[in-house]
C-alpha atoms as a PDB file:
ATOM      1  CA  UNK A   1      20.127 -84.413 148.160  1.00  0.00           C
ATOM      2  CA  UNK A   2      19.037 -86.678 145.311  1.00  0.00           C
ATOM      3  CA  UNK A   3      15.891 -85.939 143.358  1.00  0.00           C
ATOM      4  CA  UNK A   4      13.683 -87.629 140.782  1.00  0.00           C
ATOM      5  CA  UNK A   5      14.970 -86.982 137.256  1.00  0.00           C
ATOM      6  CA  UNK A   6      12.521 -89.057 135.220  1.00  0.00           C
ATOM      7  CA  UNK A   7       9.388 -88.007 133.283  1.00  0.00           C
ATOM      8  CA  UNK A   8       6.971 -86.288 135.661  1.00  0.00           C
ATOM      9  CA  UNK A   9       3.732 -86.554 133.665  1.00  0.00           C
ATOM     10  CA  UNK A  10       3.654 -90.296 134.343  1.00  0.00           C
ATOM     11  CA  UNK A  11       3.672 -89.503 138.080  1.00  0.00           C
ATOM     12  CA  UNK A  12       0.429 -87.547 137.727  1.00  0.00           C
ATOM     13  CA  UNK A  13      -1.062 -90.333 135.632  1.00  0.00           C
ATOM     14  CA  UNK A  14      -0.081 -92.900 138.269  1.00  0.00           C
ATOM     15  CA  UNK A  15      -1.944 -90.938 140.939  1.00  0.00           C
ATOM     16  CA  UNK A  16      -4.913 -90.426 138.641  1.00  0.00           C
ATOM     17  CA  UNK A  17      -4.991 -86.637 139.032  1.00  0.00           C
ATOM     18  CA  UNK A  18      -3.087 -83.495 138.235  1.00  0.00           C
ATOM     19  CA  UNK A  19      -0.260 -82.762 140.665  1.00  0.00           C
ATOM     20  CA  UNK A  20       0.778 -79.657 138.664  1.00  0.00           C
ATOM     21  CA  UNK A  21       4.381 -80.811 138.386  1.00  0.00           C
ATOM     22  CA  UNK A  22       4.955 -79.004 135.077  1.00  0.00           C
ATOM     23  CA  UNK A  23       3.498 -75.611 135.942  1.00  0.00           C
ATOM     24  CA  UNK A  24       1.416 -73.872 133.297  1.00  0.00           C
ATOM     25  CA  UNK A  25       1.478 -76.865 130.920  1.00  0.00           C
ATOM     26  CA  UNK A  26      -0.856 -78.650 133.347  1.00  0.00           C
ATOM     27  CA  UNK A  27      -3.569 -76.087 132.569  1.00  0.00           C
ATOM     28  CA  UNK A  28      -3.424 -76.711 128.806  1.00  0.00           C
ATOM     29  CA  UNK A  29      -4.687 -79.451 126.507  1.00  0.00           C
ATOM     30  CA  UNK A  30      -1.168 -80.907 126.440  1.00  0.00           C
ATOM     31  CA  UNK A  31      -1.595 -82.278 129.965  1.00  0.00           C
ATOM     32  CA  UNK A  32      -1.045 -86.052 129.928  1.00  0.00           C
ATOM     33  CA  UNK A  33      -3.740 -86.642 132.556  1.00  0.00           C
ATOM     34  CA  UNK A  34      -6.321 -85.153 130.198  1.00  0.00           C
ATOM     35  CA  UNK A  35      -5.045 -86.980 127.117  1.00  0.00           C
ATOM     36  CA  UNK A  36      -4.383 -90.355 128.796  1.00  0.00           C
ATOM     37  CA  UNK A  37      -6.448 -90.574 132.013  1.00  0.00           C
ATOM     38  CA  UNK A  38      -5.100 -93.930 133.116  1.00  0.00           C
ATOM     39  CA  UNK A  39      -1.988 -95.196 134.870  1.00  0.00           C
ATOM     40  CA  UNK A  40       1.196 -95.625 132.815  1.00  0.00           C
ATOM     41  CA  UNK A  41       2.600 -99.007 131.895  1.00  0.00           C
ATOM     42  CA  UNK A  42       1.372-102.230 130.344  1.00  0.00           C
ATOM     43  CA  UNK A  43      -1.409-102.763 132.893  1.00  0.00           C
ATOM     44  CA  UNK A  44      -2.324 -99.117 133.358  1.00  0.00           C
ATOM     45  CA  UNK A  45      -5.800 -99.462 131.908  1.00  0.00           C
ATOM     46  CA  UNK A  46      -6.740-102.460 134.020  1.00  0.00           C
ATOM     47  CA  UNK A  47      -9.139-102.084 136.927  1.00  0.00           C
ATOM     48  CA  UNK A  48      -7.858-102.929 140.362  1.00  0.00           C
ATOM     49  CA  UNK A  49      -9.385-102.221 143.734  1.00  0.00           C
ATOM     50  CA  UNK A  50      -6.855-100.807 146.177  1.00  0.00           C
ATOM     51  CA  UNK A  51      -6.408-102.332 149.613  1.00  0.00           C
ATOM     52  CA  UNK A  52      -6.246-100.217 152.760  1.00  0.00           C
ATOM     53  CA  UNK A  53      -2.462-100.292 152.530  1.00  0.00           C
ATOM     54  CA  UNK A  54      -2.646 -99.347 148.855  1.00  0.00           C
ATOM     55  CA  UNK A  55      -4.735 -96.256 149.632  1.00  0.00           C
ATOM     56  CA  UNK A  56      -2.303 -95.189 152.336  1.00  0.00           C
ATOM     57  CA  UNK A  57       0.675 -95.733 150.052  1.00  0.00           C
ATOM     58  CA  UNK A  58      -0.861 -93.689 147.264  1.00  0.00           C
ATOM     59  CA  UNK A  59      -1.417 -90.725 149.591  1.00  0.00           C
ATOM     60  CA  UNK A  60       2.197 -90.870 150.735  1.00  0.00           C
ATOM     61  CA  UNK A  61       3.478 -91.099 147.162  1.00  0.00           C
ATOM     62  CA  UNK A  62       1.240 -88.217 146.146  1.00  0.00           C
ATOM     63  CA  UNK A  63       2.612 -85.933 148.888  1.00  0.00           C
ATOM     64  CA  UNK A  64       6.214 -86.894 148.067  1.00  0.00           C
ATOM     65  CA  UNK A  65       5.710 -86.145 144.391  1.00  0.00           C
ATOM     66  CA  UNK A  66       3.930 -82.848 144.904  1.00  0.00           C
ATOM     67  CA  UNK A  67       6.742 -81.473 147.062  1.00  0.00           C
ATOM     68  CA  UNK A  68       9.563 -83.192 145.175  1.00  0.00           C
ATOM     69  CA  UNK A  69      11.150 -85.127 148.041  1.00  0.00           C
ATOM     70  CA  UNK A  70      12.379 -88.718 148.134  1.00  0.00           C
ATOM     71  CA  UNK A  71      11.653 -91.454 150.652  1.00  0.00           C
ATOM     72  CA  UNK A  72      14.405 -90.898 153.233  1.00  0.00           C
ATOM     73  CA  UNK A  73      13.812 -87.170 153.389  1.00  0.00           C
ATOM     74  CA  UNK A  74      10.063 -87.708 153.635  1.00  0.00           C
ATOM     75  CA  UNK A  75      10.532 -90.136 156.526  1.00  0.00           C
ATOM     76  CA  UNK A  76      12.677 -87.540 158.292  1.00  0.00           C
ATOM     77  CA  UNK A  77       9.924 -84.960 157.874  1.00  0.00           C
ATOM     78  CA  UNK A  78       7.409 -87.399 159.328  1.00  0.00           C
ATOM     79  CA  UNK A  79       9.670 -88.147 162.309  1.00  0.00           C
ATOM     80  CA  UNK A  80      10.024 -84.425 162.986  1.00  0.00           C
ATOM     81  CA  UNK A  81       6.253 -83.907 162.626  1.00  0.00           C
ATOM     82  CA  UNK A  82       5.642 -86.730 165.081  1.00  0.00           C
ATOM     83  CA  UNK A  83       7.997 -85.168 167.632  1.00  0.00           C
ATOM     84  CA  UNK A  84       6.207 -81.826 167.536  1.00  0.00           C
ATOM     85  CA  UNK A  85       3.123 -81.033 169.554  1.00  0.00           C
ATOM     86  CA  UNK A  86      -0.169 -80.974 167.697  1.00  0.00           C
ATOM     87  CA  UNK A  87      -1.626 -83.142 164.953  1.00  0.00           C
ATOM     88  CA  UNK A  88       1.124 -85.149 163.241  1.00  0.00           C
ATOM     89  CA  UNK A  89      -0.427 -85.072 159.772  1.00  0.00           C
ATOM     90  CA  UNK A  90      -0.887 -81.315 159.816  1.00  0.00           C
ATOM     91  CA  UNK A  91       2.618 -80.834 161.217  1.00  0.00           C
ATOM     92  CA  UNK A  92       3.950 -82.855 158.287  1.00  0.00           C
ATOM     93  CA  UNK A  93       2.224 -80.690 155.687  1.00  0.00           C
ATOM     94  CA  UNK A  94       3.389 -77.508 157.427  1.00  0.00           C
ATOM     95  CA  UNK A  95       7.008 -78.709 157.344  1.00  0.00           C
ATOM     96  CA  UNK A  96       6.689 -79.413 153.633  1.00  0.00           C
ATOM     97  CA  UNK A  97       4.986 -76.074 152.946  1.00  0.00           C
ATOM     98  CA  UNK A  98       7.698 -74.168 154.789  1.00  0.00           C
ATOM     99  CA  UNK A  99      10.463 -75.510 152.550  1.00  0.00           C
ATOM    100  CA  UNK A 100      12.170 -72.616 150.776  1.00  0.00           C
ATOM    101  CA  UNK A 101      11.561 -74.023 147.291  1.00  0.00           C
ATOM    102  CA  UNK A 102       7.842 -74.414 148.021  1.00  0.00           C
ATOM    103  CA  UNK A 103       7.604 -70.874 149.404  1.00  0.00           C
ATOM    104  CA  UNK A 104       9.310 -69.493 146.276  1.00  0.00           C
ATOM    105  CA  UNK A 105       6.736 -71.416 144.215  1.00  0.00           C
ATOM    106  CA  UNK A 106       3.837 -70.141 146.329  1.00  0.00           C
ATOM    107  CA  UNK A 107       5.118 -66.581 145.882  1.00  0.00           C
ATOM    108  CA  UNK A 108       4.873 -66.938 142.108  1.00  0.00           C
ATOM    109  CA  UNK A 109       8.634 -66.906 141.552  1.00  0.00           C
ATOM    110  CA  UNK A 110       8.525 -70.345 139.961  1.00  0.00           C
ATOM    111  CA  UNK A 111       5.979 -71.802 137.535  1.00  0.00           C
ATOM    112  CA  UNK A 112       6.369 -75.179 139.208  1.00  0.00           C
ATOM    113  CA  UNK A 113       8.038 -76.428 142.359  1.00  0.00           C
ATOM    114  CA  UNK A 114      10.786 -77.915 140.195  1.00  0.00           C
ATOM    115  CA  UNK A 115      11.489 -74.528 138.633  1.00  0.00           C
ATOM    116  CA  UNK A 116      11.345 -72.862 142.059  1.00  0.00           C
ATOM    117  CA  UNK A 117      13.901 -75.397 143.294  1.00  0.00           C
ATOM    118  CA  UNK A 118      16.139 -74.471 140.358  1.00  0.00           C
ATOM    119  CA  UNK A 119      15.777 -70.763 141.145  1.00  0.00           C
ATOM    120  CA  UNK A 120      16.947 -71.474 144.703  1.00  0.00           C
ATOM    121  CA  UNK A 121      19.800 -73.781 143.670  1.00  0.00           C
ATOM    122  CA  UNK A 122      21.110 -71.243 141.153  1.00  0.00           C
ATOM    123  CA  UNK A 123      21.702 -68.654 143.883  1.00  0.00           C
ATOM    124  CA  UNK A 124      18.911 -66.256 142.899  1.00  0.00           C
ATOM    125  CA  UNK A 125      17.208 -66.188 146.321  1.00  0.00           C
ATOM    126  CA  UNK A 126      17.946 -64.429 149.594  1.00  0.00           C
ATOM    127  CA  UNK A 127      16.392 -64.936 153.020  1.00  0.00           C
ATOM    128  CA  UNK A 128      16.575 -61.871 155.257  1.00  0.00           C
ATOM    129  CA  UNK A 129      19.182 -60.415 152.908  1.00  0.00           C
ATOM    130  CA  UNK A 130      21.471 -63.462 152.937  1.00  0.00           C
ATOM    131  CA  UNK A 131      21.903 -65.839 150.008  1.00  0.00           C
ATOM    132  CA  UNK A 132      20.372 -69.270 150.596  1.00  0.00           C
ATOM    133  CA  UNK A 133      20.648 -72.001 147.942  1.00  0.00           C
ATOM    134  CA  UNK A 134      19.248 -74.946 149.919  1.00  0.00           C
ATOM    135  CA  UNK A 135      15.757 -75.902 148.621  1.00  0.00           C
ATOM    136  CA  UNK A 136      14.846 -77.709 151.871  1.00  0.00           C
ATOM    137  CA  UNK A 137      15.736 -74.705 154.047  1.00  0.00           C
ATOM    138  CA  UNK A 138      12.947 -74.181 156.591  1.00  0.00           C
ATOM    139  CA  UNK A 139      11.621 -70.631 156.630  1.00  0.00           C
ATOM    140  CA  UNK A 140       9.726 -69.187 159.582  1.00  0.00           C
ATOM    141  CA  UNK A 141       7.286 -66.335 160.254  1.00  0.00           C
ATOM    142  CA  UNK A 142       8.947 -62.966 159.810  1.00  0.00           C
ATOM    143  CA  UNK A 143      11.440 -64.153 157.199  1.00  0.00           C
ATOM    144  CA  UNK A 144      11.728 -62.029 154.056  1.00  0.00           C
ATOM    145  CA  UNK A 145      12.345 -64.001 150.863  1.00  0.00           C
ATOM    146  CA  UNK A 146      13.513 -62.086 147.797  1.00  0.00           C
ATOM    147  CA  UNK A 147      15.191 -62.461 144.433  1.00  0.00           C
ATOM    148  CA  UNK A 148      18.692 -60.973 144.374  1.00  0.00           C
ATOM    149  CA  UNK A 149      18.899 -57.518 142.799  1.00  0.00           C
ATOM    150  CA  UNK A 150      21.137 -58.619 139.926  1.00  0.00           C
ATOM    151  CA  UNK A 151      18.763 -61.510 139.172  1.00  0.00           C
ATOM    152  CA  UNK A 152      15.600 -59.397 139.016  1.00  0.00           C
ATOM    153  CA  UNK A 153      16.572 -57.956 135.639  1.00  0.00           C
ATOM    154  CA  UNK A 154      17.137 -61.342 133.997  1.00  0.00           C
ATOM    155  CA  UNK A 155      14.655 -62.218 131.263  1.00  0.00           C
ATOM    156  CA  UNK A 156      14.020 -65.632 132.809  1.00  0.00           C
ATOM    157  CA  UNK A 157      12.791 -64.170 136.097  1.00  0.00           C
ATOM    158  CA  UNK A 158      10.703 -61.553 134.295  1.00  0.00           C
ATOM    159  CA  UNK A 159       9.019 -64.270 132.223  1.00  0.00           C
ATOM    160  CA  UNK A 160       8.226 -66.300 135.335  1.00  0.00           C
ATOM    161  CA  UNK A 161       6.601 -63.317 137.075  1.00  0.00           C
ATOM    162  CA  UNK A 162       4.569 -62.438 133.968  1.00  0.00           C
ATOM    163  CA  UNK A 163       3.301 -66.011 133.739  1.00  0.00           C
ATOM    164  CA  UNK A 164       2.342 -66.323 137.417  1.00  0.00           C
ATOM    165  CA  UNK A 165       0.937 -62.818 137.881  1.00  0.00           C
ATOM    166  CA  UNK A 166      -2.647 -64.096 138.105  1.00  0.00           C
ATOM    167  CA  UNK A 167      -1.855 -66.855 140.604  1.00  0.00           C
ATOM    168  CA  UNK A 168      -3.624 -66.664 143.969  1.00  0.00           C
ATOM    169  CA  UNK A 169      -1.140 -66.007 146.782  1.00  0.00           C
ATOM    170  CA  UNK A 170      -1.804 -67.872 150.071  1.00  0.00           C
ATOM    171  CA  UNK A 171      -2.966 -65.789 153.023  1.00  0.00           C
ATOM    172  CA  UNK A 172       0.100 -66.694 155.062  1.00  0.00           C
ATOM    173  CA  UNK A 173       2.333 -64.846 152.585  1.00  0.00           C
ATOM    174  CA  UNK A 174       2.627 -61.121 151.887  1.00  0.00           C
ATOM    175  CA  UNK A 175       4.063 -60.825 148.383  1.00  0.00           C
ATOM    176  CA  UNK A 176       5.093 -57.924 146.167  1.00  0.00           C
ATOM    177  CA  UNK A 177       5.687 -59.450 142.738  1.00  0.00           C
ATOM    178  CA  UNK A 178       6.873 -56.144 141.267  1.00  0.00           C
ATOM    179  CA  UNK A 179       9.783 -56.166 143.717  1.00  0.00           C
ATOM    180  CA  UNK A 180      10.034 -59.984 143.575  1.00  0.00           C
ATOM    181  CA  UNK A 181       9.966 -60.364 147.326  1.00  0.00           C
ATOM    182  CA  UNK A 182       7.641 -61.502 150.072  1.00  0.00           C
ATOM    183  CA  UNK A 183       7.345 -62.066 153.789  1.00  0.00           C
ATOM    184  CA  UNK A 184       6.171 -65.053 155.802  1.00  0.00           C
ATOM    185  CA  UNK A 185       3.230 -63.652 157.760  1.00  0.00           C
ATOM    186  CA  UNK A 186       2.359 -66.785 159.719  1.00  0.00           C
ATOM    187  CA  UNK A 187       2.591 -70.555 159.791  1.00  0.00           C
ATOM    188  CA  UNK A 188      -0.010 -71.926 157.339  1.00  0.00           C
ATOM    189  CA  UNK A 189      -3.043 -73.722 158.743  1.00  0.00           C
ATOM    190  CA  UNK A 190      -4.367 -76.928 157.200  1.00  0.00           C
ATOM    191  CA  UNK A 191      -7.214 -74.987 155.594  1.00  0.00           C
ATOM    192  CA  UNK A 192      -4.642 -72.782 153.812  1.00  0.00           C
ATOM    193  CA  UNK A 193      -2.712 -75.724 152.349  1.00  0.00           C
ATOM    194  CA  UNK A 194      -4.540 -76.562 149.139  1.00  0.00           C
ATOM    195  CA  UNK A 195      -3.055 -79.912 148.180  1.00  0.00           C
ATOM    196  CA  UNK A 196      -5.242 -82.989 147.468  1.00  0.00           C
ATOM    197  CA  UNK A 197      -3.735 -85.224 150.152  1.00  0.00           C
ATOM    198  CA  UNK A 198      -5.391 -87.048 153.063  1.00  0.00           C
ATOM    199  CA  UNK A 199      -2.586 -86.731 155.574  1.00  0.00           C
ATOM    200  CA  UNK A 200      -4.332 -89.012 158.076  1.00  0.00           C
ATOM    201  CA  UNK A 201      -3.698 -91.954 155.736  1.00  0.00           C
ATOM    202  CA  UNK A 202       0.014 -91.122 155.694  1.00  0.00           C
ATOM    203  CA  UNK A 203       0.078 -91.123 159.490  1.00  0.00           C
ATOM    204  CA  UNK A 204      -1.693 -94.500 159.541  1.00  0.00           C
ATOM    205  CA  UNK A 205       0.869 -95.892 157.076  1.00  0.00           C
ATOM    206  CA  UNK A 206       3.893 -94.849 159.131  1.00  0.00           C
ATOM    207  CA  UNK A 207       2.264 -95.817 162.428  1.00  0.00           C
ATOM    208  CA  UNK A 208       2.045 -99.512 161.561  1.00  0.00           C
END
């Protein structure tokens, strides 16, 4: 699956808020949103009132960028969320949260979702004891996600765990960072998904 390979700080600037796409750098004074709090490009500092469609589009773009998925994949997630029972917007966020790369990030085994995706793609992760290198793999309650034994001793993984040791782990995960493994306790509720997205606007956009 294709992915965005361009500069990510401009994505945060375009949305006008931190999306934490570069991990720990986003918490420092080097963050582009703090240094240049306006949209990128020639007209970035101009004032423009967004239309209803513009607001909906921005929420969709924000969700796509936070989770690192492109348009076709995002549309597929929405179609699946719409097919499921319950609230479509919440179903959509749950599907995105239950991606393997996002779960690895939430566990503290990646400083950013991009790094977590790389950890998965480079064959460092197992699900229920079996190697899985597909970032979009959907985990489910009861699954045990772990770093492979021969990868736990690598300096790169040790540095990641040291950096993320103070990160708050979501309630729907049971994580042991010392062993670099965790278990999916339950499906996350909307209250447990702490991303700054109004999913109702995304539903309105796709329902037109």
